[in-house]
Amino acid sequence: MFNISSYLEKISKSLKSTEVSKEQIIAIILKNTQITLLEENIEIKNFVLHIKTSPAIKNKLFIYKEKILKDFELNLTTKIVDIR
């Protein structure tokens, strides 16, 4: 018999992990670029970080892209290979 509580627990842990990752991502971006982002503006799909913001902020993020990605690699459990 399928145990629904264990399934819901797995989903809950996954969602909490995503929230923690977003908080860490925001902190790393703030440390490297002095840009403050909101969690609503960040989405991770297929190991790619998608940021919904103005073109000016995106340009500044792309200037520091390599440094940010190295910091992600060192400090995150979630793998991120690109920023878009």
N, C-alpha and C. Protein backbone atom coordinates (compact mmCIF):
# COMPACT_ATOMS: atom_id res chain seq x y z
N MET A 1 0.84 -1.18 0.00
CA MET A 1 0.00 0.00 0.00
C MET A 1 0.88 1.24 0.00
N PHE A 2 0.51 2.20 -0.81
CA PHE A 2 1.27 3.44 -0.93
C PHE A 2 0.99 4.32 0.28
N ASN A 3 2.05 4.80 0.90
CA ASN A 3 1.92 5.62 2.10
C ASN A 3 1.99 7.09 1.69
N ILE A 4 0.86 7.77 1.74
CA ILE A 4 0.77 9.16 1.29
C ILE A 4 1.59 10.10 2.16
N SER A 5 1.69 9.82 3.44
CA SER A 5 2.43 10.72 4.33
C SER A 5 3.92 10.75 3.98
N SER A 6 4.49 9.62 3.61
CA SER A 6 5.91 9.62 3.23
C SER A 6 6.11 10.36 1.91
N TYR A 7 5.16 10.24 1.01
CA TYR A 7 5.24 10.96 -0.26
C TYR A 7 5.18 12.47 -0.03
N LEU A 8 4.24 12.90 0.79
CA LEU A 8 4.12 14.33 1.09
C LEU A 8 5.34 14.85 1.84
N GLU A 9 5.93 14.03 2.67
CA GLU A 9 7.14 14.42 3.38
C GLU A 9 8.30 14.66 2.41
N LYS A 10 8.42 13.80 1.41
CA LYS A 10 9.47 13.97 0.39
C LYS A 10 9.27 15.27 -0.38
N ILE A 11 8.04 15.56 -0.75
CA ILE A 11 7.75 16.81 -1.46
C ILE A 11 8.06 18.01 -0.59
N SER A 12 7.69 17.93 0.68
CA SER A 12 7.96 19.02 1.62
C SER A 12 9.46 19.29 1.75
N LYS A 13 10.26 18.23 1.87
CA LYS A 13 11.71 18.39 1.97
C LYS A 13 12.28 19.00 0.70
N SER A 14 11.75 18.61 -0.44
CA SER A 14 12.22 19.14 -1.71
C SER A 14 11.93 20.64 -1.81
N LEU A 15 10.74 21.04 -1.40
CA LEU A 15 10.38 22.46 -1.44
C LEU A 15 11.23 23.27 -0.48
N LYS A 16 11.49 22.75 0.71
CA LYS A 16 12.34 23.45 1.67
C LYS A 16 13.76 23.58 1.14
N SER A 17 14.24 22.56 0.47
CA SER A 17 15.58 22.59 -0.11
C SER A 17 15.67 23.68 -1.17
N THR A 18 14.63 23.81 -1.98
CA THR A 18 14.61 24.83 -3.02
C THR A 18 14.61 26.22 -2.40
N GLU A 19 13.85 26.41 -1.31
CA GLU A 19 13.82 27.71 -0.64
C GLU A 19 15.19 28.06 -0.07
N VAL A 20 15.85 27.10 0.55
CA VAL A 20 17.18 27.33 1.11
C VAL A 20 18.15 27.67 -0.01
N SER A 21 18.07 26.96 -1.11
CA SER A 21 18.95 27.22 -2.24
C SER A 21 18.74 28.64 -2.76
N LYS A 22 17.49 29.06 -2.87
CA LYS A 22 17.21 30.41 -3.36
C LYS A 22 17.79 31.46 -2.41
N GLU A 23 17.67 31.22 -1.12
CA GLU A 23 18.24 32.16 -0.15
C GLU A 23 19.76 32.22 -0.29
N GLN A 24 20.39 31.07 -0.48
CA GLN A 24 21.84 31.04 -0.66
C GLN A 24 22.24 31.71 -1.97
N ILE A 25 21.47 31.50 -3.02
CA ILE A 25 21.75 32.12 -4.32
C ILE A 25 21.68 33.63 -4.19
N ILE A 26 20.64 34.13 -3.52
CA ILE A 26 20.50 35.57 -3.32
C ILE A 26 21.69 36.12 -2.54
N ALA A 27 22.12 35.41 -1.51
CA ALA A 27 23.25 35.86 -0.69
C ALA A 27 24.54 35.89 -1.50
N ILE A 28 24.77 34.88 -2.33
CA ILE A 28 25.99 34.83 -3.15
C ILE A 28 25.99 35.96 -4.17
N ILE A 29 24.85 36.20 -4.81
CA ILE A 29 24.76 37.28 -5.79
C ILE A 29 24.97 38.62 -5.10
N LEU A 30 24.39 38.81 -3.93
CA LEU A 30 24.57 40.05 -3.18
C LEU A 30 26.03 40.26 -2.81
N LYS A 31 26.70 39.19 -2.38
CA LYS A 31 28.11 39.28 -1.99
C LYS A 31 29.00 39.68 -3.18
N ASN A 32 28.72 39.13 -4.35
CA ASN A 32 29.57 39.36 -5.51
C ASN A 32 29.24 40.62 -6.29
N THR A 33 27.97 41.05 -6.28
CA THR A 33 27.56 42.16 -7.15
C THR A 33 26.89 43.32 -6.43
N GLN A 34 26.57 43.17 -5.14
CA GLN A 34 25.81 44.15 -4.38
C GLN A 34 24.42 44.38 -4.98
N ILE A 35 23.86 43.37 -5.64
CA ILE A 35 22.51 43.41 -6.19
C ILE A 35 21.61 42.55 -5.31
N THR A 36 20.50 43.12 -4.86
CA THR A 36 19.54 42.37 -4.05
C THR A 36 18.41 41.89 -4.95
N LEU A 37 18.20 40.59 -4.98
CA LEU A 37 17.13 39.99 -5.77
C LEU A 37 16.07 39.42 -4.85
N LEU A 38 14.87 39.26 -5.37
CA LEU A 38 13.77 38.64 -4.64
C LEU A 38 13.65 37.17 -5.05
N GLU A 39 13.16 36.35 -4.13
CA GLU A 39 13.00 34.92 -4.42
C GLU A 39 12.05 34.69 -5.59
N GLU A 40 11.06 35.57 -5.76
CA GLU A 40 10.10 35.43 -6.85
C GLU A 40 10.75 35.61 -8.22
N ASN A 41 11.90 36.29 -8.25
CA ASN A 41 12.57 36.57 -9.51
C ASN A 41 13.60 35.51 -9.89
N ILE A 42 13.70 34.45 -9.10
CA ILE A 42 14.70 33.41 -9.34
C ILE A 42 13.99 32.09 -9.61
N GLU A 43 14.45 31.41 -10.64
CA GLU A 43 13.90 30.10 -10.98
C GLU A 43 15.03 29.21 -11.49
N ILE A 44 15.04 27.95 -11.06
CA ILE A 44 16.07 27.01 -11.50
C ILE A 44 15.39 25.93 -12.33
N LYS A 45 15.83 25.83 -13.60
CA LYS A 45 15.31 24.81 -14.51
C LYS A 45 16.48 24.14 -15.20
N ASN A 46 16.55 22.83 -15.11
CA ASN A 46 17.59 22.05 -15.80
C ASN A 46 18.99 22.58 -15.50
N PHE A 47 19.28 22.84 -14.24
CA PHE A 47 20.59 23.31 -13.77
C PHE A 47 20.94 24.71 -14.29
N VAL A 48 19.96 25.46 -14.76
CA VAL A 48 20.18 26.82 -15.25
C VAL A 48 19.38 27.77 -14.35
N LEU A 49 20.05 28.81 -13.87
CA LEU A 49 19.41 29.81 -13.04
C LEU A 49 18.81 30.88 -13.95
N HIS A 50 17.48 31.02 -13.91
CA HIS A 50 16.78 32.03 -14.69
C HIS A 50 16.42 33.18 -13.75
N ILE A 51 16.82 34.39 -14.13
CA ILE A 51 16.56 35.56 -13.29
C ILE A 51 15.67 36.51 -14.07
N LYS A 52 14.55 36.87 -13.47
CA LYS A 52 13.60 37.79 -14.08
C LYS A 52 13.83 39.17 -13.46
N THR A 53 14.50 40.03 -14.21
CA THR A 53 14.81 41.37 -13.72
C THR A 53 15.08 42.28 -14.90
N SER A 54 15.47 43.50 -14.63
CA SER A 54 15.70 44.47 -15.70
C SER A 54 16.98 44.13 -16.47
N PRO A 55 17.06 44.59 -17.72
CA PRO A 55 18.27 44.33 -18.51
C PRO A 55 19.54 44.91 -17.89
N ALA A 56 19.44 46.04 -17.22
CA ALA A 56 20.62 46.65 -16.60
C ALA A 56 21.19 45.74 -15.50
N ILE A 57 20.32 45.18 -14.70
CA ILE A 57 20.77 44.29 -13.63
C ILE A 57 21.32 43.00 -14.22
N LYS A 58 20.66 42.48 -15.27
CA LYS A 58 21.16 41.27 -15.93
C LYS A 58 22.56 41.49 -16.49
N ASN A 59 22.81 42.68 -17.06
CA ASN A 59 24.14 42.97 -17.59
C ASN A 59 25.19 42.92 -16.48
N LYS A 60 24.87 43.50 -15.33
CA LYS A 60 25.82 43.47 -14.22
C LYS A 60 26.06 42.04 -13.75
N LEU A 61 25.00 41.23 -13.73
CA LEU A 61 25.15 39.83 -13.34
C LEU A 61 26.05 39.09 -14.32
N PHE A 62 25.91 39.37 -15.61
CA PHE A 62 26.73 38.68 -16.61
C PHE A 62 28.19 39.11 -16.54
N ILE A 63 28.45 40.33 -16.08
CA ILE A 63 29.83 40.77 -15.90
C ILE A 63 30.52 39.91 -14.84
N TYR A 64 29.79 39.57 -13.78
CA TYR A 64 30.33 38.77 -12.68
C TYR A 64 29.96 37.30 -12.78
N LYS A 65 29.49 36.86 -13.93
CA LYS A 65 28.95 35.50 -14.11
C LYS A 65 29.93 34.40 -13.69
N GLU A 66 31.16 34.46 -14.15
CA GLU A 66 32.14 33.41 -13.83
C GLU A 66 32.40 33.33 -12.32
N LYS A 67 32.55 34.48 -11.69
CA LYS A 67 32.80 34.52 -10.26
C LYS A 67 31.60 33.97 -9.48
N ILE A 68 30.40 34.32 -9.91
CA ILE A 68 29.18 33.84 -9.26
C ILE A 68 29.05 32.33 -9.42
N LEU A 69 29.30 31.82 -10.63
CA LEU A 69 29.18 30.38 -10.87
C LEU A 69 30.20 29.58 -10.04
N LYS A 70 31.42 30.11 -9.90
CA LYS A 70 32.42 29.44 -9.06
C LYS A 70 31.97 29.41 -7.60
N ASP A 71 31.39 30.52 -7.16
CA ASP A 71 30.88 30.59 -5.79
C ASP A 71 29.71 29.61 -5.59
N PHE A 72 28.84 29.49 -6.59
CA PHE A 72 27.75 28.51 -6.52
C PHE A 72 28.31 27.11 -6.38
N GLU A 73 29.33 26.80 -7.17
CA GLU A 73 29.93 25.46 -7.16
C GLU A 73 30.50 25.12 -5.78
N LEU A 74 31.10 26.11 -5.14
CA LEU A 74 31.71 25.87 -3.83
C LEU A 74 30.70 25.81 -2.69
N ASN A 75 29.62 26.57 -2.78
CA ASN A 75 28.74 26.75 -1.63
C ASN A 75 27.35 26.14 -1.72
N LEU A 76 26.93 25.69 -2.88
CA LEU A 76 25.57 25.16 -3.02
C LEU A 76 25.57 23.65 -3.20
N THR A 77 24.53 23.02 -2.71
CA THR A 77 24.35 21.60 -2.98
C THR A 77 23.63 21.41 -4.31
N THR A 78 22.86 22.43 -4.73
CA THR A 78 22.18 22.40 -6.01
C THR A 78 23.17 22.79 -7.10
N LYS A 79 23.23 22.00 -8.15
CA LYS A 79 24.17 22.28 -9.23
C LYS A 79 23.56 23.32 -10.17
N ILE A 80 24.32 24.38 -10.45
CA ILE A 80 23.91 25.41 -11.40
C ILE A 80 25.06 25.60 -12.37
N VAL A 81 24.77 25.45 -13.67
CA VAL A 81 25.83 25.52 -14.67
C VAL A 81 25.78 26.79 -15.51
N ASP A 82 24.68 27.54 -15.44
CA ASP A 82 24.57 28.75 -16.25
C ASP A 82 23.59 29.71 -15.61
N ILE A 83 23.71 30.98 -15.99
CA ILE A 83 22.79 32.03 -15.54
C ILE A 83 22.18 32.66 -16.79
N ARG A 84 20.88 32.78 -16.78
CA ARG A 84 20.19 33.43 -17.91
C ARG A 84 19.16 34.39 -17.40
